[in-house]
């Protein structure tokens, strides 16, 4: 395999540009936040009508319920338009490119919905596979469908920890542990958090009686073949540049 940081024919970058995700899609401050802190929060990324469509999709999902009350969405079925719009959002794709700096593909997509009393996690990273230690391999995004506050299972992050390029020590992997430098995300519904998947992060306990719904997706460097991917029923819902960038498998669900 050649140098994975290269896009030899420029086709991937051209597709990004066609989707509005070229270098100008992010401000200098947003790029600096991804580089230094390892995360950036896009506030008011999702307009009200789009947000309501996502909530309807989430509430109507028939995905498998995993530990912590997280509904897993293994494929994009009939109600996929609002979700696909998130996955093609230019600033999200531009952020993924800025972190990975080489062609990537969409990984797994899931609803993250911690039930009351659940959702507490130990600090972890989203990458445990092998790869060039000098490169980053995964980017994670959370599109919040509800207001995020400390009481309802907000995400906690350790800024700059992606630079360590290693997993948190065992004591911090304990859900009850706290890192002295961790911060907790607070955001209005419709905000979108993007972070380097090597950043130490975790969910917190939903201590409220209200929902805390989010759509989570990951982008994985394309040299990692065989990673979890997402099926889409109808390829016509995606323009050719999006198919190239997301590397989505076209199939029939159900």
C-alpha atoms as a PDB file:
ATOM      1  CA  UNK A   1       0.000   0.000   0.000  1.00  0.00           C
ATOM      2  CA  UNK A   2       1.281   3.448  -0.848  1.00  0.00           C
ATOM      3  CA  UNK A   3       1.398   6.492   1.367  1.00  0.00           C
ATOM      4  CA  UNK A   4      -2.138   6.752   2.821  1.00  0.00           C
ATOM      5  CA  UNK A   5      -1.817  10.515   3.250  1.00  0.00           C
ATOM      6  CA  UNK A   6      -1.885  10.983  -0.526  1.00  0.00           C
ATOM      7  CA  UNK A   7      -4.867  11.449  -2.821  1.00  0.00           C
ATOM      8  CA  UNK A   8      -2.895  10.686  -6.022  1.00  0.00           C
ATOM      9  CA  UNK A   9      -5.497  11.681  -8.603  1.00  0.00           C
ATOM     10  CA  UNK A  10      -7.164  14.345  -6.472  1.00  0.00           C
ATOM     11  CA  UNK A  11     -10.585  12.740  -7.020  1.00  0.00           C
ATOM     12  CA  UNK A  12     -11.468  12.648  -3.323  1.00  0.00           C
ATOM     13  CA  UNK A  13     -10.596  16.307  -2.746  1.00  0.00           C
ATOM     14  CA  UNK A  14     -12.513  17.258  -5.881  1.00  0.00           C
ATOM     15  CA  UNK A  15     -15.551  15.422  -4.542  1.00  0.00           C
ATOM     16  CA  UNK A  16     -15.220  17.217  -1.205  1.00  0.00           C
ATOM     17  CA  UNK A  17     -15.086  20.547  -3.021  1.00  0.00           C
ATOM     18  CA  UNK A  18     -18.194  19.626  -5.038  1.00  0.00           C
ATOM     19  CA  UNK A  19     -20.018  19.031  -1.755  1.00  0.00           C
ATOM     20  CA  UNK A  20     -18.917  22.414  -0.383  1.00  0.00           C
ATOM     21  CA  UNK A  21     -16.416  20.770   1.977  1.00  0.00           C
ATOM     22  CA  UNK A  22     -13.246  22.328   0.624  1.00  0.00           C
ATOM     23  CA  UNK A  23     -10.616  24.112   2.771  1.00  0.00           C
ATOM     24  CA  UNK A  24     -12.763  27.260   3.074  1.00  0.00           C
ATOM     25  CA  UNK A  25     -15.585  25.329   4.802  1.00  0.00           C
ATOM     26  CA  UNK A  26     -13.826  25.680   8.174  1.00  0.00           C
ATOM     27  CA  UNK A  27     -12.582  28.855   9.804  1.00  0.00           C
ATOM     28  CA  UNK A  28      -9.029  29.175  11.060  1.00  0.00           C
ATOM     29  CA  UNK A  29     -10.325  28.965  14.642  1.00  0.00           C
ATOM     30  CA  UNK A  30     -12.241  25.765  13.905  1.00  0.00           C
ATOM     31  CA  UNK A  31      -9.171  24.147  12.359  1.00  0.00           C
ATOM     32  CA  UNK A  32      -7.080  25.250  15.334  1.00  0.00           C
ATOM     33  CA  UNK A  33      -9.625  23.769  17.742  1.00  0.00           C
ATOM     34  CA  UNK A  34      -9.432  20.396  15.974  1.00  0.00           C
ATOM     35  CA  UNK A  35      -5.642  20.500  16.009  1.00  0.00           C
ATOM     36  CA  UNK A  36      -5.135  21.704  19.591  1.00  0.00           C
ATOM     37  CA  UNK A  37      -8.178  20.630  21.616  1.00  0.00           C
ATOM     38  CA  UNK A  38      -9.157  17.737  19.352  1.00  0.00           C
ATOM     39  CA  UNK A  39     -12.784  18.796  18.971  1.00  0.00           C
ATOM     40  CA  UNK A  40     -15.058  21.507  17.631  1.00  0.00           C
ATOM     41  CA  UNK A  41     -18.711  22.266  18.367  1.00  0.00           C
ATOM     42  CA  UNK A  42     -20.858  23.628  15.539  1.00  0.00           C
ATOM     43  CA  UNK A  43     -23.808  25.373  17.151  1.00  0.00           C
ATOM     44  CA  UNK A  44     -27.164  25.696  15.348  1.00  0.00           C
ATOM     45  CA  UNK A  45     -25.951  23.357  12.602  1.00  0.00           C
ATOM     46  CA  UNK A  46     -29.387  21.769  12.141  1.00  0.00           C
ATOM     47  CA  UNK A  47     -32.429  23.918  11.368  1.00  0.00           C
ATOM     48  CA  UNK A  48     -35.758  23.303  13.214  1.00  0.00           C
ATOM     49  CA  UNK A  49     -37.549  21.378  10.445  1.00  0.00           C
ATOM     50  CA  UNK A  50     -34.538  19.175   9.834  1.00  0.00           C
ATOM     51  CA  UNK A  51     -34.207  18.603  13.578  1.00  0.00           C
ATOM     52  CA  UNK A  52     -37.834  17.467  13.869  1.00  0.00           C
ATOM     53  CA  UNK A  53     -37.318  15.008  11.000  1.00  0.00           C
ATOM     54  CA  UNK A  54     -34.298  13.535  12.770  1.00  0.00           C
ATOM     55  CA  UNK A  55     -36.223  13.219  16.022  1.00  0.00           C
ATOM     56  CA  UNK A  56     -39.020  11.378  14.215  1.00  0.00           C
ATOM     57  CA  UNK A  57     -36.475   9.018  12.666  1.00  0.00           C
ATOM     58  CA  UNK A  58     -34.860   8.392  16.044  1.00  0.00           C
ATOM     59  CA  UNK A  59     -38.139   7.797  17.878  1.00  0.00           C
ATOM     60  CA  UNK A  60     -39.338   5.459  15.138  1.00  0.00           C
ATOM     61  CA  UNK A  61     -36.114   3.476  14.894  1.00  0.00           C
ATOM     62  CA  UNK A  62     -36.390  -0.273  15.313  1.00  0.00           C
ATOM     63  CA  UNK A  63     -32.693  -0.745  15.891  1.00  0.00           C
ATOM     64  CA  UNK A  64     -31.208  -3.033  18.503  1.00  0.00           C
ATOM     65  CA  UNK A  65     -31.086  -1.534  21.989  1.00  0.00           C
ATOM     66  CA  UNK A  66     -27.611  -1.927  23.445  1.00  0.00           C
ATOM     67  CA  UNK A  67     -26.216  -1.490  26.945  1.00  0.00           C
ATOM     68  CA  UNK A  68     -26.867   2.008  28.230  1.00  0.00           C
ATOM     69  CA  UNK A  69     -30.064   2.375  26.238  1.00  0.00           C
ATOM     70  CA  UNK A  70     -28.380   3.243  22.944  1.00  0.00           C
ATOM     71  CA  UNK A  71     -30.401   2.311  19.881  1.00  0.00           C
ATOM     72  CA  UNK A  72     -28.026   1.074  17.205  1.00  0.00           C
ATOM     73  CA  UNK A  73     -28.855   1.926  13.601  1.00  0.00           C
ATOM     74  CA  UNK A  74     -27.103  -0.657  11.431  1.00  0.00           C
ATOM     75  CA  UNK A  75     -28.448   0.641   8.132  1.00  0.00           C
ATOM     76  CA  UNK A  76     -30.246   3.607   6.660  1.00  0.00           C
ATOM     77  CA  UNK A  77     -33.716   2.462   5.699  1.00  0.00           C
ATOM     78  CA  UNK A  78     -36.787   4.173   4.286  1.00  0.00           C
ATOM     79  CA  UNK A  79     -36.541   7.242   6.522  1.00  0.00           C
ATOM     80  CA  UNK A  80     -32.996   8.145   5.565  1.00  0.00           C
ATOM     81  CA  UNK A  81     -33.176  11.556   3.922  1.00  0.00           C
ATOM     82  CA  UNK A  82     -32.640  13.642   7.084  1.00  0.00           C
ATOM     83  CA  UNK A  83     -29.799  11.377   8.209  1.00  0.00           C
ATOM     84  CA  UNK A  84     -28.058  11.456   4.843  1.00  0.00           C
ATOM     85  CA  UNK A  85     -28.258  15.237   4.954  1.00  0.00           C
ATOM     86  CA  UNK A  86     -26.265  15.183   8.204  1.00  0.00           C
ATOM     87  CA  UNK A  87     -23.675  12.826   6.741  1.00  0.00           C
ATOM     88  CA  UNK A  88     -23.162  15.169   3.781  1.00  0.00           C
ATOM     89  CA  UNK A  89     -23.014  18.376   5.830  1.00  0.00           C
ATOM     90  CA  UNK A  90     -20.020  20.246   4.359  1.00  0.00           C
ATOM     91  CA  UNK A  91     -18.421  21.395   7.613  1.00  0.00           C
ATOM     92  CA  UNK A  92     -18.618  17.876   9.050  1.00  0.00           C
ATOM     93  CA  UNK A  93     -16.862  16.397   6.009  1.00  0.00           C
ATOM     94  CA  UNK A  94     -14.320  19.219   6.007  1.00  0.00           C
ATOM     95  CA  UNK A  95     -13.559  18.537   9.679  1.00  0.00           C
ATOM     96  CA  UNK A  96     -13.074  14.821   8.976  1.00  0.00           C
ATOM     97  CA  UNK A  97     -10.661  15.632   6.146  1.00  0.00           C
ATOM     98  CA  UNK A  98      -8.779  18.147   8.285  1.00  0.00           C
ATOM     99  CA  UNK A  99      -8.142  15.536  10.978  1.00  0.00           C
ATOM    100  CA  UNK A 100      -7.476  12.506   8.783  1.00  0.00           C
ATOM    101  CA  UNK A 101      -5.800  14.336   5.859  1.00  0.00           C
ATOM    102  CA  UNK A 102      -6.480  11.475   3.461  1.00  0.00           C
ATOM    103  CA  UNK A 103      -9.477   9.697   1.887  1.00  0.00           C
ATOM    104  CA  UNK A 104     -11.922   8.205   4.364  1.00  0.00           C
ATOM    105  CA  UNK A 105     -15.238   6.363   4.394  1.00  0.00           C
ATOM    106  CA  UNK A 106     -18.326   6.427   6.545  1.00  0.00           C
ATOM    107  CA  UNK A 107     -18.250   3.896   9.355  1.00  0.00           C
ATOM    108  CA  UNK A 108     -21.091   2.829  11.610  1.00  0.00           C
ATOM    109  CA  UNK A 109     -24.087   5.099  12.277  1.00  0.00           C
ATOM    110  CA  UNK A 110     -26.055   4.823  15.528  1.00  0.00           C
ATOM    111  CA  UNK A 111     -28.600   6.586  17.675  1.00  0.00           C
ATOM    112  CA  UNK A 112     -27.182   7.421  21.107  1.00  0.00           C
ATOM    113  CA  UNK A 113     -30.055   7.675  23.557  1.00  0.00           C
ATOM    114  CA  UNK A 114     -29.019   7.094  27.187  1.00  0.00           C
ATOM    115  CA  UNK A 115     -32.032   6.187  29.289  1.00  0.00           C
ATOM    116  CA  UNK A 116     -32.576   7.858  32.662  1.00  0.00           C
ATOM    117  CA  UNK A 117     -30.027   6.500  35.101  1.00  0.00           C
ATOM    118  CA  UNK A 118     -27.798   5.097  32.348  1.00  0.00           C
ATOM    119  CA  UNK A 119     -25.147   6.315  29.916  1.00  0.00           C
ATOM    120  CA  UNK A 120     -22.127   6.606  32.233  1.00  0.00           C
ATOM    121  CA  UNK A 121     -18.909   5.545  30.508  1.00  0.00           C
ATOM    122  CA  UNK A 122     -15.244   5.434  31.371  1.00  0.00           C
ATOM    123  CA  UNK A 123     -12.898   7.578  29.328  1.00  0.00           C
ATOM    124  CA  UNK A 124     -11.938   5.875  26.098  1.00  0.00           C
ATOM    125  CA  UNK A 125     -10.890   6.493  22.495  1.00  0.00           C
ATOM    126  CA  UNK A 126     -12.710   5.301  19.399  1.00  0.00           C
ATOM    127  CA  UNK A 127      -9.682   3.662  17.837  1.00  0.00           C
ATOM    128  CA  UNK A 128      -8.127   0.410  18.990  1.00  0.00           C
ATOM    129  CA  UNK A 129      -6.984  -1.050  15.689  1.00  0.00           C
ATOM    130  CA  UNK A 130      -3.508  -1.069  14.209  1.00  0.00           C
ATOM    131  CA  UNK A 131      -2.232   1.627  11.906  1.00  0.00           C
ATOM    132  CA  UNK A 132       0.510   4.135  11.338  1.00  0.00           C
ATOM    133  CA  UNK A 133       1.126   5.647  14.811  1.00  0.00           C
ATOM    134  CA  UNK A 134       1.969   8.961  13.205  1.00  0.00           C
ATOM    135  CA  UNK A 135      -1.512   9.346  11.722  1.00  0.00           C
ATOM    136  CA  UNK A 136      -5.037   9.732  13.051  1.00  0.00           C
ATOM    137  CA  UNK A 137      -7.451   7.054  11.855  1.00  0.00           C
ATOM    138  CA  UNK A 138     -10.981   7.952  12.929  1.00  0.00           C
ATOM    139  CA  UNK A 139     -13.237  10.972  13.445  1.00  0.00           C
ATOM    140  CA  UNK A 140     -16.477  10.838  15.448  1.00  0.00           C
ATOM    141  CA  UNK A 141     -19.470  13.160  15.261  1.00  0.00           C
ATOM    142  CA  UNK A 142     -22.517  13.586  17.500  1.00  0.00           C
ATOM    143  CA  UNK A 143     -25.540  15.466  16.208  1.00  0.00           C
ATOM    144  CA  UNK A 144     -27.562  16.440  19.300  1.00  0.00           C
ATOM    145  CA  UNK A 145     -31.325  16.218  18.911  1.00  0.00           C
ATOM    146  CA  UNK A 146     -31.992  17.547  22.419  1.00  0.00           C
ATOM    147  CA  UNK A 147     -30.412  20.223  24.574  1.00  0.00           C
ATOM    148  CA  UNK A 148     -27.268  18.823  26.195  1.00  0.00           C
ATOM    149  CA  UNK A 149     -26.571  19.676  29.835  1.00  0.00           C
ATOM    150  CA  UNK A 150     -24.668  17.902  32.646  1.00  0.00           C
ATOM    151  CA  UNK A 151     -27.903  16.452  34.018  1.00  0.00           C
ATOM    152  CA  UNK A 152     -28.965  14.490  30.932  1.00  0.00           C
ATOM    153  CA  UNK A 153     -25.893  12.557  29.835  1.00  0.00           C
ATOM    154  CA  UNK A 154     -23.638  15.177  28.271  1.00  0.00           C
ATOM    155  CA  UNK A 155     -20.399  14.158  26.569  1.00  0.00           C
ATOM    156  CA  UNK A 156     -17.181  14.736  28.499  1.00  0.00           C
ATOM    157  CA  UNK A 157     -13.832  15.290  26.769  1.00  0.00           C
ATOM    158  CA  UNK A 158     -10.187  15.677  27.758  1.00  0.00           C
ATOM    159  CA  UNK A 159      -8.886  18.458  25.474  1.00  0.00           C
ATOM    160  CA  UNK A 160      -5.570  17.699  23.814  1.00  0.00           C
ATOM    161  CA  UNK A 161      -5.527  14.024  24.827  1.00  0.00           C
ATOM    162  CA  UNK A 162      -5.563  12.947  21.156  1.00  0.00           C
ATOM    163  CA  UNK A 163      -1.942  14.035  20.944  1.00  0.00           C
ATOM    164  CA  UNK A 164      -0.961  11.273  23.384  1.00  0.00           C
ATOM    165  CA  UNK A 165      -2.019   8.669  20.801  1.00  0.00           C
ATOM    166  CA  UNK A 166      -2.697   6.044  23.447  1.00  0.00           C
ATOM    167  CA  UNK A 167      -5.617   4.758  25.472  1.00  0.00           C
ATOM    168  CA  UNK A 168      -6.439   6.228  28.887  1.00  0.00           C
ATOM    169  CA  UNK A 169      -4.887   4.376  31.827  1.00  0.00           C
ATOM    170  CA  UNK A 170      -7.051   1.779  33.551  1.00  0.00           C
ATOM    171  CA  UNK A 171      -8.013   4.042  36.437  1.00  0.00           C
ATOM    172  CA  UNK A 172      -9.548   6.563  34.026  1.00  0.00           C
ATOM    173  CA  UNK A 173     -11.396   3.802  32.174  1.00  0.00           C
ATOM    174  CA  UNK A 174     -13.478   3.387  35.338  1.00  0.00           C
ATOM    175  CA  UNK A 175     -16.857   5.100  34.708  1.00  0.00           C
ATOM    176  CA  UNK A 176     -16.685   6.710  38.155  1.00  0.00           C
ATOM    177  CA  UNK A 177     -13.297   8.318  37.452  1.00  0.00           C
ATOM    178  CA  UNK A 178     -12.710  11.932  36.514  1.00  0.00           C
ATOM    179  CA  UNK A 179      -9.806  13.559  34.712  1.00  0.00           C
ATOM    180  CA  UNK A 180      -8.722  16.889  36.231  1.00  0.00           C
ATOM    181  CA  UNK A 181      -8.714  18.550  32.804  1.00  0.00           C
ATOM    182  CA  UNK A 182     -11.940  17.118  31.396  1.00  0.00           C
ATOM    183  CA  UNK A 183     -14.675  19.397  30.119  1.00  0.00           C
ATOM    184  CA  UNK A 184     -18.380  18.691  29.637  1.00  0.00           C
ATOM    185  CA  UNK A 185     -20.192  19.650  26.451  1.00  0.00           C
ATOM    186  CA  UNK A 186     -23.192  21.928  26.833  1.00  0.00           C
ATOM    187  CA  UNK A 187     -25.139  22.735  23.696  1.00  0.00           C
ATOM    188  CA  UNK A 188     -28.567  23.481  22.334  1.00  0.00           C
ATOM    189  CA  UNK A 189     -30.490  20.966  20.235  1.00  0.00           C
ATOM    190  CA  UNK A 190     -29.301  21.086  16.641  1.00  0.00           C
ATOM    191  CA  UNK A 191     -25.629  21.411  17.566  1.00  0.00           C
ATOM    192  CA  UNK A 192     -23.045  19.072  16.090  1.00  0.00           C
ATOM    193  CA  UNK A 193     -19.904  17.972  17.932  1.00  0.00           C
ATOM    194  CA  UNK A 194     -16.976  16.666  15.866  1.00  0.00           C
ATOM    195  CA  UNK A 195     -13.903  15.226  17.547  1.00  0.00           C
ATOM    196  CA  UNK A 196     -10.748  13.328  16.766  1.00  0.00           C
ATOM    197  CA  UNK A 197     -11.553   9.693  17.545  1.00  0.00           C
ATOM    198  CA  UNK A 198      -8.239   9.390  19.396  1.00  0.00           C
ATOM    199  CA  UNK A 199      -9.459  11.995  21.911  1.00  0.00           C
ATOM    200  CA  UNK A 200     -10.301  10.659  25.373  1.00  0.00           C
ATOM    201  CA  UNK A 201     -14.044  11.029  25.856  1.00  0.00           C
ATOM    202  CA  UNK A 202     -17.067   9.425  27.504  1.00  0.00           C
ATOM    203  CA  UNK A 203     -20.795   9.701  28.006  1.00  0.00           C
ATOM    204  CA  UNK A 204     -22.154  10.691  31.405  1.00  0.00           C
ATOM    205  CA  UNK A 205     -25.174   9.439  33.342  1.00  0.00           C
ATOM    206  CA  UNK A 206     -28.560  10.738  32.305  1.00  0.00           C
ATOM    207  CA  UNK A 207     -29.845  11.921  35.691  1.00  0.00           C
ATOM    208  CA  UNK A 208     -32.925  13.586  34.227  1.00  0.00           C
ATOM    209  CA  UNK A 209     -36.232  12.079  33.223  1.00  0.00           C
ATOM    210  CA  UNK A 210     -35.950  13.619  29.767  1.00  0.00           C
ATOM    211  CA  UNK A 211     -34.499  12.120  26.591  1.00  0.00           C
ATOM    212  CA  UNK A 212     -30.997  12.935  25.370  1.00  0.00           C
ATOM    213  CA  UNK A 213     -31.075  11.813  21.779  1.00  0.00           C
ATOM    214  CA  UNK A 214     -28.173  12.070  19.345  1.00  0.00           C
ATOM    215  CA  UNK A 215     -27.124  10.692  15.987  1.00  0.00           C
ATOM    216  CA  UNK A 216     -23.558   9.382  16.068  1.00  0.00           C
ATOM    217  CA  UNK A 217     -21.428   8.620  13.040  1.00  0.00           C
ATOM    218  CA  UNK A 218     -17.792   7.844  12.415  1.00  0.00           C
ATOM    219  CA  UNK A 219     -15.390   8.389   9.533  1.00  0.00           C
ATOM    220  CA  UNK A 220     -12.501   5.947   9.139  1.00  0.00           C
ATOM    221  CA  UNK A 221      -9.384   6.316   7.009  1.00  0.00           C
ATOM    222  CA  UNK A 222     -10.026   4.365   3.857  1.00  0.00           C
ATOM    223  CA  UNK A 223      -6.986   2.108   4.065  1.00  0.00           C
ATOM    224  CA  UNK A 224      -8.741   0.258   6.897  1.00  0.00           C
ATOM    225  CA  UNK A 225     -10.765  -2.100   4.750  1.00  0.00           C
ATOM    226  CA  UNK A 226     -13.311  -4.288   6.440  1.00  0.00           C
ATOM    227  CA  UNK A 227     -14.318  -1.738   9.097  1.00  0.00           C
ATOM    228  CA  UNK A 228     -18.074  -1.495   9.908  1.00  0.00           C
ATOM    229  CA  UNK A 229     -19.914   0.301   7.127  1.00  0.00           C
ATOM    230  CA  UNK A 230     -23.415   1.545   6.469  1.00  0.00           C
ATOM    231  CA  UNK A 231     -25.957   0.314   3.936  1.00  0.00           C
ATOM    232  CA  UNK A 232     -28.130   2.718   1.984  1.00  0.00           C
ATOM    233  CA  UNK A 233     -31.273   1.516   0.231  1.00  0.00           C
ATOM    234  CA  UNK A 234     -31.301   3.946  -2.678  1.00  0.00           C
ATOM    235  CA  UNK A 235     -28.088   5.259  -4.205  1.00  0.00           C
ATOM    236  CA  UNK A 236     -30.086   7.901  -6.067  1.00  0.00           C
ATOM    237  CA  UNK A 237     -30.541   9.734  -2.764  1.00  0.00           C
ATOM    238  CA  UNK A 238     -26.839  10.547  -2.902  1.00  0.00           C
ATOM    239  CA  UNK A 239     -25.055  12.612  -5.565  1.00  0.00           C
ATOM    240  CA  UNK A 240     -21.963  10.946  -7.062  1.00  0.00           C
ATOM    241  CA  UNK A 241     -19.500  13.069  -5.033  1.00  0.00           C
ATOM    242  CA  UNK A 242     -21.196  11.967  -1.788  1.00  0.00           C
ATOM    243  CA  UNK A 243     -21.036   8.316  -2.817  1.00  0.00           C
ATOM    244  CA  UNK A 244     -17.324   8.679  -3.457  1.00  0.00           C
ATOM    245  CA  UNK A 245     -16.583  10.541  -0.214  1.00  0.00           C
ATOM    246  CA  UNK A 246     -18.729   8.391   2.070  1.00  0.00           C
ATOM    247  CA  UNK A 247     -17.836   5.103   0.388  1.00  0.00           C
ATOM    248  CA  UNK A 248     -21.374   3.942   1.113  1.00  0.00           C
ATOM    249  CA  UNK A 249     -22.377   0.410   0.170  1.00  0.00           C
ATOM    250  CA  UNK A 250     -25.594   0.290  -1.808  1.00  0.00           C
ATOM    251  CA  UNK A 251     -27.896  -2.517  -0.742  1.00  0.00           C
ATOM    252  CA  UNK A 252     -31.375  -3.547   0.252  1.00  0.00           C
ATOM    253  CA  UNK A 253     -32.327  -3.509   3.911  1.00  0.00           C
ATOM    254  CA  UNK A 254     -34.993  -5.329   5.809  1.00  0.00           C
END
